[in-house]
Amino acid sequence: MNDFNEYVRECFSATGDIVIKSMMGGYLVYFNGKLIGDICGEEVFLKRTPTSDRLLAGSELRYPYEGSKTLMRVFDRFDDKDMIAELLEGMYAELPERKPKKAK
């Protein structure tokens, strides 16, 4: 894991369990077991939920990689621990539960 990923993990982990997994040249970011976004290069992209739309209003909407859904590009707000806690907790409540893996 690179320095930027570790920095993001440290900033987000004050709120809960953060896991960053390598996937297709980028990284997936999980908060307490739910996928919340991606890290591509040195940019963080979060899924859109009512909470992220409200707290990150004005953030650029982009496709972090070809074939992805539009995500919110997050920048320069990592030091606001209260906002990050509100953001991650709100997103967690609004995102669906993980689907169980199908039995083989």
PDB file of N, CA and C in Angstrom:
ATOM      1  N   MET A   1       0.859  -1.173   0.000  1.00  0.00           N
ATOM      2  CA  MET A   1       0.000   0.000   0.000  1.00  0.00           C
ATOM      3  C   MET A   1       0.907   1.238   0.000  1.00  0.00           C
ATOM      4  N   ASN A   2       0.536   2.237  -0.786  1.00  0.00           N
ATOM      5  CA  ASN A   2       1.371   3.429  -0.883  1.00  0.00           C
ATOM      6  C   ASN A   2       1.069   4.430   0.242  1.00  0.00           C
ATOM      7  N   ASP A   3       1.858   5.479   0.321  1.00  0.00           N
ATOM      8  CA  ASP A   3       1.722   6.480   1.389  1.00  0.00           C
ATOM      9  C   ASP A   3       0.360   7.167   1.365  1.00  0.00           C
ATOM     10  N   PHE A   4      -0.157   7.472   0.169  1.00  0.00           N
ATOM     11  CA  PHE A   4      -1.447   8.144   0.085  1.00  0.00           C
ATOM     12  C   PHE A   4      -2.555   7.247   0.627  1.00  0.00           C
ATOM     13  N   ASN A   5      -2.554   5.986   0.247  1.00  0.00           N
ATOM     14  CA  ASN A   5      -3.570   5.050   0.748  1.00  0.00           C
ATOM     15  C   ASN A   5      -3.492   4.952   2.269  1.00  0.00           C
ATOM     16  N   GLU A   6      -2.291   4.896   2.803  1.00  0.00           N
ATOM     17  CA  GLU A   6      -2.124   4.813   4.254  1.00  0.00           C
ATOM     18  C   GLU A   6      -2.646   6.086   4.931  1.00  0.00           C
ATOM     19  N   TYR A   7      -2.404   7.229   4.320  1.00  0.00           N
ATOM     20  CA  TYR A   7      -2.908   8.495   4.845  1.00  0.00           C
ATOM     21  C   TYR A   7      -4.442   8.502   4.878  1.00  0.00           C
ATOM     22  N   VAL A   8      -5.073   8.059   3.800  1.00  0.00           N
ATOM     23  CA  VAL A   8      -6.533   7.990   3.744  1.00  0.00           C
ATOM     24  C   VAL A   8      -7.045   7.026   4.806  1.00  0.00           C
ATOM     25  N   ARG A   9      -6.411   5.856   4.915  1.00  0.00           N
ATOM     26  CA  ARG A   9      -6.827   4.872   5.917  1.00  0.00           C
ATOM     27  C   ARG A   9      -6.745   5.463   7.318  1.00  0.00           C
ATOM     28  N   GLU A  10      -5.662   6.151   7.619  1.00  0.00           N
ATOM     29  CA  GLU A  10      -5.504   6.767   8.947  1.00  0.00           C
ATOM     30  C   GLU A  10      -6.585   7.819   9.200  1.00  0.00           C
ATOM     31  N   CYS A  11      -6.862   8.653   8.224  1.00  0.00           N
ATOM     32  CA  CYS A  11      -7.875   9.702   8.394  1.00  0.00           C
ATOM     33  C   CYS A  11      -9.261   9.116   8.603  1.00  0.00           C
ATOM     34  N   PHE A  12      -9.603   8.080   7.859  1.00  0.00           N
ATOM     35  CA  PHE A  12     -10.937   7.499   7.928  1.00  0.00           C
ATOM     36  C   PHE A  12     -11.095   6.531   9.095  1.00  0.00           C
ATOM     37  N   SER A  13     -10.017   5.901   9.551  1.00  0.00           N
ATOM     38  CA  SER A  13     -10.138   4.835  10.541  1.00  0.00           C
ATOM     39  C   SER A  13     -10.506   5.329  11.931  1.00  0.00           C
ATOM     40  N   ALA A  14     -10.436   6.621  12.198  1.00  0.00           N
ATOM     41  CA  ALA A  14     -10.877   7.144  13.497  1.00  0.00           C
ATOM     42  C   ALA A  14     -12.371   6.909  13.684  1.00  0.00           C
ATOM     43  N   THR A  15     -13.099   6.710  12.590  1.00  0.00           N
ATOM     44  CA  THR A  15     -14.548   6.528  12.635  1.00  0.00           C
ATOM     45  C   THR A  15     -14.951   5.062  12.669  1.00  0.00           C
ATOM     46  N   GLY A  16     -14.135   4.176  12.122  1.00  0.00           N
ATOM     47  CA  GLY A  16     -14.477   2.756  12.078  1.00  0.00           C
ATOM     48  C   GLY A  16     -13.399   1.976  11.355  1.00  0.00           C
ATOM     49  N   ASP A  17     -13.719   0.746  11.021  1.00  0.00           N
ATOM     50  CA  ASP A  17     -12.773  -0.147  10.376  1.00  0.00           C
ATOM     51  C   ASP A  17     -12.662   0.188   8.886  1.00  0.00           C
ATOM     52  N   ILE A  18     -11.468   0.528   8.448  1.00  0.00           N
ATOM     53  CA  ILE A  18     -11.209   0.845   7.040  1.00  0.00           C
ATOM     54  C   ILE A  18     -10.313  -0.234   6.457  1.00  0.00           C
ATOM     55  N   VAL A  19     -10.754  -0.797   5.342  1.00  0.00           N
ATOM     56  CA  VAL A  19      -9.955  -1.783   4.612  1.00  0.00           C
ATOM     57  C   VAL A  19      -9.808  -1.252   3.189  1.00  0.00           C
ATOM     58  N   ILE A  20      -8.572  -1.261   2.695  1.00  0.00           N
ATOM     59  CA  ILE A  20      -8.292  -0.824   1.332  1.00  0.00           C
ATOM     60  C   ILE A  20      -7.730  -2.027   0.583  1.00  0.00           C
ATOM     61  N   LYS A  21      -8.437  -2.446  -0.486  1.00  0.00           N
ATOM     62  CA  LYS A  21      -8.052  -3.627  -1.255  1.00  0.00           C
ATOM     63  C   LYS A  21      -7.663  -3.236  -2.669  1.00  0.00           C
ATOM     64  N   SER A  22      -6.557  -3.798  -3.130  1.00  0.00           N
ATOM     65  CA  SER A  22      -6.111  -3.570  -4.500  1.00  0.00           C
ATOM     66  C   SER A  22      -7.090  -4.231  -5.462  1.00  0.00           C
ATOM     67  N   MET A  23      -7.461  -3.483  -6.520  1.00  0.00           N
ATOM     68  CA  MET A  23      -8.409  -4.021  -7.489  1.00  0.00           C
ATOM     69  C   MET A  23      -8.227  -3.315  -8.826  1.00  0.00           C
ATOM     70  N   MET A  24      -7.905  -4.043  -9.863  1.00  0.00           N
ATOM     71  CA  MET A  24      -7.841  -3.543 -11.238  1.00  0.00           C
ATOM     72  C   MET A  24      -7.045  -2.250 -11.393  1.00  0.00           C
ATOM     73  N   GLY A  25      -5.888  -2.168 -10.802  1.00  0.00           N
ATOM     74  CA  GLY A  25      -5.043  -0.998 -10.954  1.00  0.00           C
ATOM     75  C   GLY A  25      -5.365   0.136 -10.007  1.00  0.00           C
ATOM     76  N   GLY A  26      -6.433   0.012  -9.241  1.00  0.00           N
ATOM     77  CA  GLY A  26      -6.797   1.003  -8.238  1.00  0.00           C
ATOM     78  C   GLY A  26      -7.034   0.294  -6.917  1.00  0.00           C
ATOM     79  N   TYR A  27      -7.764   0.934  -6.053  1.00  0.00           N
ATOM     80  CA  TYR A  27      -8.037   0.356  -4.735  1.00  0.00           C
ATOM     81  C   TYR A  27      -9.495   0.596  -4.366  1.00  0.00           C
ATOM     82  N   LEU A  28     -10.101  -0.389  -3.734  1.00  0.00           N
ATOM     83  CA  LEU A  28     -11.455  -0.258  -3.211  1.00  0.00           C
ATOM     84  C   LEU A  28     -11.359   0.085  -1.739  1.00  0.00           C
ATOM     85  N   VAL A  29     -12.232   0.976  -1.267  1.00  0.00           N
ATOM     86  CA  VAL A  29     -12.229   1.400   0.126  1.00  0.00           C
ATOM     87  C   VAL A  29     -13.505   0.901   0.786  1.00  0.00           C
ATOM     88  N   TYR A  30     -13.335   0.136   1.854  1.00  0.00           N
ATOM     89  CA  TYR A  30     -14.457  -0.407   2.621  1.00  0.00           C
ATOM     90  C   TYR A  30     -14.478   0.228   4.003  1.00  0.00           C
ATOM     91  N   PHE A  31     -15.679   0.595   4.462  1.00  0.00           N
ATOM     92  CA  PHE A  31     -15.885   1.125   5.811  1.00  0.00           C
ATOM     93  C   PHE A  31     -16.812   0.167   6.539  1.00  0.00           C
ATOM     94  N   ASN A  32     -16.322  -0.425   7.608  1.00  0.00           N
ATOM     95  CA  ASN A  32     -17.089  -1.408   8.386  1.00  0.00           C
ATOM     96  C   ASN A  32     -17.737  -2.460   7.481  1.00  0.00           C
ATOM     97  N   GLY A  33     -16.999  -2.893   6.465  1.00  0.00           N
ATOM     98  CA  GLY A  33     -17.447  -3.964   5.583  1.00  0.00           C
ATOM     99  C   GLY A  33     -18.226  -3.540   4.356  1.00  0.00           C
ATOM    100  N   LYS A  34     -18.593  -2.258   4.249  1.00  0.00           N
ATOM    101  CA  LYS A  34     -19.340  -1.784   3.078  1.00  0.00           C
ATOM    102  C   LYS A  34     -18.414  -0.989   2.160  1.00  0.00           C
ATOM    103  N   LEU A  35     -18.565  -1.244   0.852  1.00  0.00           N
ATOM    104  CA  LEU A  35     -17.786  -0.507  -0.143  1.00  0.00           C
ATOM    105  C   LEU A  35     -18.285   0.936  -0.187  1.00  0.00           C
ATOM    106  N   ILE A  36     -17.383   1.887   0.079  1.00  0.00           N
ATOM    107  CA  ILE A  36     -17.774   3.296   0.069  1.00  0.00           C
ATOM    108  C   ILE A  36     -17.159   4.069  -1.085  1.00  0.00           C
ATOM    109  N   GLY A  37     -16.101   3.531  -1.696  1.00  0.00           N
ATOM    110  CA  GLY A  37     -15.490   4.272  -2.789  1.00  0.00           C
ATOM    111  C   GLY A  37     -14.215   3.639  -3.298  1.00  0.00           C
ATOM    112  N   ASP A  38     -13.464   4.424  -4.048  1.00  0.00           N
ATOM    113  CA  ASP A  38     -12.242   3.974  -4.706  1.00  0.00           C
ATOM    114  C   ASP A  38     -11.126   4.981  -4.464  1.00  0.00           C
ATOM    115  N   ILE A  39      -9.904   4.471  -4.567  1.00  0.00           N
ATOM    116  CA  ILE A  39      -8.725   5.332  -4.655  1.00  0.00           C
ATOM    117  C   ILE A  39      -8.082   5.019  -5.995  1.00  0.00           C
ATOM    118  N   CYS A  40      -7.930   6.041  -6.821  1.00  0.00           N
ATOM    119  CA  CYS A  40      -7.284   5.908  -8.129  1.00  0.00           C
ATOM    120  C   CYS A  40      -6.166   6.939  -8.176  1.00  0.00           C
ATOM    121  N   GLY A  41      -4.942   6.458  -8.274  1.00  0.00           N
ATOM    122  CA  GLY A  41      -3.810   7.369  -8.201  1.00  0.00           C
ATOM    123  C   GLY A  41      -3.762   7.972  -6.817  1.00  0.00           C
ATOM    124  N   GLU A  42      -3.766   9.279  -6.752  1.00  0.00           N
ATOM    125  CA  GLU A  42      -3.776   9.960  -5.455  1.00  0.00           C
ATOM    126  C   GLU A  42      -5.067  10.741  -5.296  1.00  0.00           C
ATOM    127  N   GLU A  43      -6.168  10.125  -5.737  1.00  0.00           N
ATOM    128  CA  GLU A  43      -7.486  10.743  -5.622  1.00  0.00           C
ATOM    129  C   GLU A  43      -8.445   9.760  -4.975  1.00  0.00           C
ATOM    130  N   VAL A  44      -9.323  10.289  -4.120  1.00  0.00           N
ATOM    131  CA  VAL A  44     -10.346   9.485  -3.470  1.00  0.00           C
ATOM    132  C   VAL A  44     -11.684   9.811  -4.119  1.00  0.00           C
ATOM    133  N   PHE A  45     -12.433   8.764  -4.438  1.00  0.00           N
ATOM    134  CA  PHE A  45     -13.760   8.902  -5.014  1.00  0.00           C
ATOM    135  C   PHE A  45     -14.734   8.145  -4.116  1.00  0.00           C
ATOM    136  N   LEU A  46     -15.801   8.819  -3.678  1.00  0.00           N
ATOM    137  CA  LEU A  46     -16.788   8.188  -2.812  1.00  0.00           C
ATOM    138  C   LEU A  46     -18.113   8.030  -3.536  1.00  0.00           C
ATOM    139  N   LYS A  47     -18.850   7.002  -3.140  1.00  0.00           N
ATOM    140  CA  LYS A  47     -20.176   6.779  -3.696  1.00  0.00           C
ATOM    141  C   LYS A  47     -21.092   7.935  -3.321  1.00  0.00           C
ATOM    142  N   ARG A  48     -22.082   8.137  -4.152  1.00  0.00           N
ATOM    143  CA  ARG A  48     -23.062   9.188  -3.884  1.00  0.00           C
ATOM    144  C   ARG A  48     -24.181   8.626  -3.022  1.00  0.00           C
ATOM    145  N   THR A  49     -24.427   9.288  -1.924  1.00  0.00           N
ATOM    146  CA  THR A  49     -25.556   8.996  -1.035  1.00  0.00           C
ATOM    147  C   THR A  49     -26.128  10.351  -0.631  1.00  0.00           C
ATOM    148  N   PRO A  50     -27.292  10.394  -0.001  1.00  0.00           N
ATOM    149  CA  PRO A  50     -27.790  11.695   0.470  1.00  0.00           C
ATOM    150  C   PRO A  50     -26.786  12.416   1.373  1.00  0.00           C
ATOM    151  N   THR A  51     -26.103  11.677   2.237  1.00  0.00           N
ATOM    152  CA  THR A  51     -25.126  12.311   3.136  1.00  0.00           C
ATOM    153  C   THR A  51     -23.930  12.845   2.366  1.00  0.00           C
ATOM    154  N   SER A  52     -23.371  12.057   1.448  1.00  0.00           N
ATOM    155  CA  SER A  52     -22.204  12.552   0.706  1.00  0.00           C
ATOM    156  C   SER A  52     -22.593  13.709  -0.201  1.00  0.00           C
ATOM    157  N   ASP A  53     -23.792  13.661  -0.796  1.00  0.00           N
ATOM    158  CA  ASP A  53     -24.246  14.791  -1.620  1.00  0.00           C
ATOM    159  C   ASP A  53     -24.347  16.067  -0.785  1.00  0.00           C
ATOM    160  N   ARG A  54     -24.822  15.946   0.449  1.00  0.00           N
ATOM    161  CA  ARG A  54     -24.998  17.125   1.312  1.00  0.00           C
ATOM    162  C   ARG A  54     -23.644  17.646   1.820  1.00  0.00           C
ATOM    163  N   LEU A  55     -22.818  16.751   2.350  1.00  0.00           N
ATOM    164  CA  LEU A  55     -21.562  17.182   2.972  1.00  0.00           C
ATOM    165  C   LEU A  55     -20.475  17.526   1.961  1.00  0.00           C
ATOM    166  N   LEU A  56     -20.562  16.965   0.786  1.00  0.00           N
ATOM    167  CA  LEU A  56     -19.547  17.217  -0.237  1.00  0.00           C
ATOM    168  C   LEU A  56     -20.126  17.973  -1.423  1.00  0.00           C
ATOM    169  N   ALA A  57     -21.161  18.763  -1.160  1.00  0.00           N
ATOM    170  CA  ALA A  57     -21.781  19.558  -2.222  1.00  0.00           C
ATOM    171  C   ALA A  57     -20.696  20.371  -2.925  1.00  0.00           C
ATOM    172  N   GLY A  58     -20.756  20.370  -4.223  1.00  0.00           N
ATOM    173  CA  GLY A  58     -19.753  21.108  -4.991  1.00  0.00           C
ATOM    174  C   GLY A  58     -18.561  20.258  -5.390  1.00  0.00           C
ATOM    175  N   SER A  59     -18.470  19.027  -4.869  1.00  0.00           N
ATOM    176  CA  SER A  59     -17.371  18.151  -5.276  1.00  0.00           C
ATOM    177  C   SER A  59     -17.570  17.746  -6.730  1.00  0.00           C
ATOM    178  N   GLU A  60     -16.471  17.563  -7.401  1.00  0.00           N
ATOM    179  CA  GLU A  60     -16.502  17.168  -8.805  1.00  0.00           C
ATOM    180  C   GLU A  60     -17.022  15.736  -8.924  1.00  0.00           C
ATOM    181  N   LEU A  61     -17.935  15.518  -9.859  1.00  0.00           N
ATOM    182  CA  LEU A  61     -18.437  14.175 -10.158  1.00  0.00           C
ATOM    183  C   LEU A  61     -17.657  13.656 -11.355  1.00  0.00           C
ATOM    184  N   ARG A  62     -17.052  12.472 -11.184  1.00  0.00           N
ATOM    185  CA  ARG A  62     -16.219  11.923 -12.262  1.00  0.00           C
ATOM    186  C   ARG A  62     -16.327  10.414 -12.301  1.00  0.00           C
ATOM    187  N   TYR A  63     -15.860   9.856 -13.380  1.00  0.00           N
ATOM    188  CA  TYR A  63     -15.691   8.415 -13.522  1.00  0.00           C
ATOM    189  C   TYR A  63     -14.223   8.133 -13.211  1.00  0.00           C
ATOM    190  N   PRO A  64     -13.928   7.469 -12.094  1.00  0.00           N
ATOM    191  CA  PRO A  64     -12.520   7.246 -11.759  1.00  0.00           C
ATOM    192  C   PRO A  64     -11.809   6.304 -12.730  1.00  0.00           C
ATOM    193  N   TYR A  65     -12.563   5.440 -13.395  1.00  0.00           N
ATOM    194  CA  TYR A  65     -11.987   4.545 -14.389  1.00  0.00           C
ATOM    195  C   TYR A  65     -13.085   4.190 -15.385  1.00  0.00           C
ATOM    196  N   GLU A  66     -12.681   3.742 -16.560  1.00  0.00           N
ATOM    197  CA  GLU A  66     -13.641   3.431 -17.613  1.00  0.00           C
ATOM    198  C   GLU A  66     -14.596   2.332 -17.152  1.00  0.00           C
ATOM    199  N   GLY A  67     -15.876   2.565 -17.344  1.00  0.00           N
ATOM    200  CA  GLY A  67     -16.890   1.593 -16.970  1.00  0.00           C
ATOM    201  C   GLY A  67     -17.435   1.754 -15.557  1.00  0.00           C
ATOM    202  N   SER A  68     -16.917   2.715 -14.808  1.00  0.00           N
ATOM    203  CA  SER A  68     -17.388   2.907 -13.431  1.00  0.00           C
ATOM    204  C   SER A  68     -18.627   3.790 -13.401  1.00  0.00           C
ATOM    205  N   LYS A  69     -19.267   3.804 -12.245  1.00  0.00           N
ATOM    206  CA  LYS A  69     -20.360   4.741 -12.010  1.00  0.00           C
ATOM    207  C   LYS A  69     -19.751   6.095 -11.664  1.00  0.00           C
ATOM    208  N   THR A  70     -20.546   7.141 -11.797  1.00  0.00           N
ATOM    209  CA  THR A  70     -20.078   8.472 -11.424  1.00  0.00           C
ATOM    210  C   THR A  70     -19.898   8.507  -9.910  1.00  0.00           C
ATOM    211  N   LEU A  71     -18.735   8.930  -9.476  1.00  0.00           N
ATOM    212  CA  LEU A  71     -18.432   9.044  -8.058  1.00  0.00           C
ATOM    213  C   LEU A  71     -18.013  10.471  -7.744  1.00  0.00           C
ATOM    214  N   MET A  72     -18.006  10.815  -6.453  1.00  0.00           N
ATOM    215  CA  MET A  72     -17.616  12.151  -6.022  1.00  0.00           C
ATOM    216  C   MET A  72     -16.116  12.173  -5.733  1.00  0.00           C
ATOM    217  N   ARG A  73     -15.416  13.068  -6.382  1.00  0.00           N
ATOM    218  CA  ARG A  73     -13.980  13.227  -6.137  1.00  0.00           C
ATOM    219  C   ARG A  73     -13.816  14.037  -4.858  1.00  0.00           C
ATOM    220  N   VAL A  74     -13.081  13.481  -3.918  1.00  0.00           N
ATOM    221  CA  VAL A  74     -12.896  14.119  -2.610  1.00  0.00           C
ATOM    222  C   VAL A  74     -11.467  14.634  -2.525  1.00  0.00           C
ATOM    223  N   PHE A  75     -11.315  15.823  -2.017  1.00  0.00           N
ATOM    224  CA  PHE A  75      -9.974  16.390  -1.866  1.00  0.00           C
ATOM    225  C   PHE A  75      -9.969  17.368  -0.707  1.00  0.00           C
ATOM    226  N   ASP A  76      -8.857  17.553  -0.114  1.00  0.00           N
ATOM    227  CA  ASP A  76      -8.542  18.568   0.907  1.00  0.00           C
ATOM    228  C   ASP A  76      -9.500  18.673   2.093  1.00  0.00           C
ATOM    229  N   ARG A  77     -10.274  17.642   2.385  1.00  0.00           N
ATOM    230  CA  ARG A  77     -11.170  17.699   3.544  1.00  0.00           C
ATOM    231  C   ARG A  77     -10.793  16.626   4.570  1.00  0.00           C
ATOM    232  N   PHE A  78      -9.654  15.997   4.417  1.00  0.00           N
ATOM    233  CA  PHE A  78      -9.285  14.866   5.254  1.00  0.00           C
ATOM    234  C   PHE A  78      -8.984  15.242   6.701  1.00  0.00           C
ATOM    235  N   ASP A  79      -8.645  16.485   6.965  1.00  0.00           N
ATOM    236  CA  ASP A  79      -8.292  16.891   8.328  1.00  0.00           C
ATOM    237  C   ASP A  79      -9.502  17.269   9.166  1.00  0.00           C
ATOM    238  N   ASP A  80     -10.681  17.347   8.569  1.00  0.00           N
ATOM    239  CA  ASP A  80     -11.906  17.694   9.295  1.00  0.00           C
ATOM    240  C   ASP A  80     -12.521  16.401   9.848  1.00  0.00           C
ATOM    241  N   LYS A  81     -12.043  15.986  11.029  1.00  0.00           N
ATOM    242  CA  LYS A  81     -12.431  14.701  11.607  1.00  0.00           C
ATOM    243  C   LYS A  81     -13.927  14.606  11.892  1.00  0.00           C
ATOM    244  N   ASP A  82     -14.547  15.696  12.320  1.00  0.00           N
ATOM    245  CA  ASP A  82     -15.987  15.677  12.589  1.00  0.00           C
ATOM    246  C   ASP A  82     -16.782  15.456  11.306  1.00  0.00           C
ATOM    247  N   MET A  83     -16.376  16.143  10.226  1.00  0.00           N
ATOM    248  CA  MET A  83     -17.061  15.985   8.948  1.00  0.00           C
ATOM    249  C   MET A  83     -16.860  14.562   8.419  1.00  0.00           C
ATOM    250  N   ILE A  84     -15.656  14.022   8.533  1.00  0.00           N
ATOM    251  CA  ILE A  84     -15.396  12.664   8.060  1.00  0.00           C
ATOM    252  C   ILE A  84     -16.243  11.663   8.836  1.00  0.00           C
ATOM    253  N   ALA A  85     -16.338  11.831  10.149  1.00  0.00           N
ATOM    254  CA  ALA A  85     -17.159  10.922  10.961  1.00  0.00           C
ATOM    255  C   ALA A  85     -18.618  10.990  10.527  1.00  0.00           C
ATOM    256  N   GLU A  86     -19.149  12.198  10.361  1.00  0.00           N
ATOM    257  CA  GLU A  86     -20.543  12.363   9.925  1.00  0.00           C
ATOM    258  C   GLU A  86     -20.742  11.767   8.535  1.00  0.00           C
ATOM    259  N   LEU A  87     -19.786  11.999   7.648  1.00  0.00           N
ATOM    260  CA  LEU A  87     -19.856  11.495   6.280  1.00  0.00           C
ATOM    261  C   LEU A  87     -19.881   9.968   6.255  1.00  0.00           C
ATOM    262  N   LEU A  88     -18.900   9.342   6.901  1.00  0.00           N
ATOM    263  CA  LEU A  88     -18.803   7.887   6.839  1.00  0.00           C
ATOM    264  C   LEU A  88     -19.961   7.200   7.553  1.00  0.00           C
ATOM    265  N   GLU A  89     -20.360   7.726   8.694  1.00  0.00           N
ATOM    266  CA  GLU A  89     -21.483   7.130   9.423  1.00  0.00           C
ATOM    267  C   GLU A  89     -22.785   7.274   8.635  1.00  0.00           C
ATOM    268  N   GLY A  90     -22.998   8.427   8.009  1.00  0.00           N
ATOM    269  CA  GLY A  90     -24.188   8.632   7.190  1.00  0.00           C
ATOM    270  C   GLY A  90     -24.190   7.735   5.969  1.00  0.00           C
ATOM    271  N   MET A  91     -23.040   7.650   5.286  1.00  0.00           N
ATOM    272  CA  MET A  91     -22.946   6.789   4.108  1.00  0.00           C
ATOM    273  C   MET A  91     -23.197   5.335   4.491  1.00  0.00           C
ATOM    274  N   TYR A  92     -22.631   4.902   5.614  1.00  0.00           N
ATOM    275  CA  TYR A  92     -22.802   3.519   6.047  1.00  0.00           C
ATOM    276  C   TYR A  92     -24.286   3.196   6.237  1.00  0.00           C
ATOM    277  N   ALA A  93     -25.016   4.104   6.863  1.00  0.00           N
ATOM    278  CA  ALA A  93     -26.445   3.881   7.108  1.00  0.00           C
ATOM    279  C   ALA A  93     -27.241   3.859   5.799  1.00  0.00           C
ATOM    280  N   GLU A  94     -26.782   4.589   4.796  1.00  0.00           N
ATOM    281  CA  GLU A  94     -27.535   4.730   3.550  1.00  0.00           C
ATOM    282  C   GLU A  94     -27.181   3.697   2.476  1.00  0.00           C
ATOM    283  N   LEU A  95     -26.000   3.123   2.560  1.00  0.00           N
ATOM    284  CA  LEU A  95     -25.588   2.135   1.552  1.00  0.00           C
ATOM    285  C   LEU A  95     -26.186   0.774   1.881  1.00  0.00           C
ATOM    286  N   PRO A  96     -26.510  -0.017   0.852  1.00  0.00           N
ATOM    287  CA  PRO A  96     -27.106  -1.336   1.102  1.00  0.00           C
ATOM    288  C   PRO A  96     -26.114  -2.286   1.758  1.00  0.00           C
ATOM    289  N   GLU A  97     -26.646  -3.294   2.421  1.00  0.00           N
ATOM    290  CA  GLU A  97     -25.811  -4.342   2.993  1.00  0.00           C
ATOM    291  C   GLU A  97     -25.134  -5.097   1.868  1.00  0.00           C
ATOM    292  N   ARG A  98     -23.982  -5.678   2.176  1.00  0.00           N
ATOM    293  CA  ARG A  98     -23.283  -6.511   1.180  1.00  0.00           C
ATOM    294  C   ARG A  98     -24.138  -7.732   0.871  1.00  0.00           C
ATOM    295  N   LYS A  99     -24.138  -8.089  -0.381  1.00  0.00           N
ATOM    296  CA  LYS A  99     -24.877  -9.281  -0.793  1.00  0.00           C
ATOM    297  C   LYS A  99     -24.071 -10.510  -0.373  1.00  0.00           C
ATOM    298  N   PRO A 100     -24.760 -11.524   0.154  1.00  0.00           N
ATOM    299  CA  PRO A 100     -24.022 -12.747   0.523  1.00  0.00           C
ATOM    300  C   PRO A 100     -23.459 -13.427  -0.712  1.00  0.00           C
ATOM    301  N   LYS A 101     -22.304 -14.065  -0.544  1.00  0.00           N
ATOM    302  CA  LYS A 101     -21.696 -14.779  -1.668  1.00  0.00           C
ATOM    303  C   LYS A 101     -22.550 -15.989  -1.997  1.00  0.00           C
ATOM    304  N   LYS A 102     -22.665 -16.254  -3.293  1.00  0.00           N
ATOM    305  CA  LYS A 102     -23.444 -17.406  -3.746  1.00  0.00           C
ATOM    306  C   LYS A 102     -22.674 -18.682  -3.466  1.00  0.00           C
ATOM    307  N   ALA A 103     -23.385 -19.691  -3.014  1.00  0.00           N
ATOM    308  CA  ALA A 103     -22.770 -20.989  -2.777  1.00  0.00           C
ATOM    309  C   ALA A 103     -22.460 -21.636  -4.124  1.00  0.00           C
ATOM    310  N   LYS A 104     -21.352 -22.343  -4.170  1.00  0.00           N
ATOM    311  CA  LYS A 104     -20.949 -23.001  -5.423  1.00  0.00           C
ATOM    312  C   LYS A 104     -21.537 -24.382  -5.493  1.00  0.00           C
TER     313      LYS A 104
END
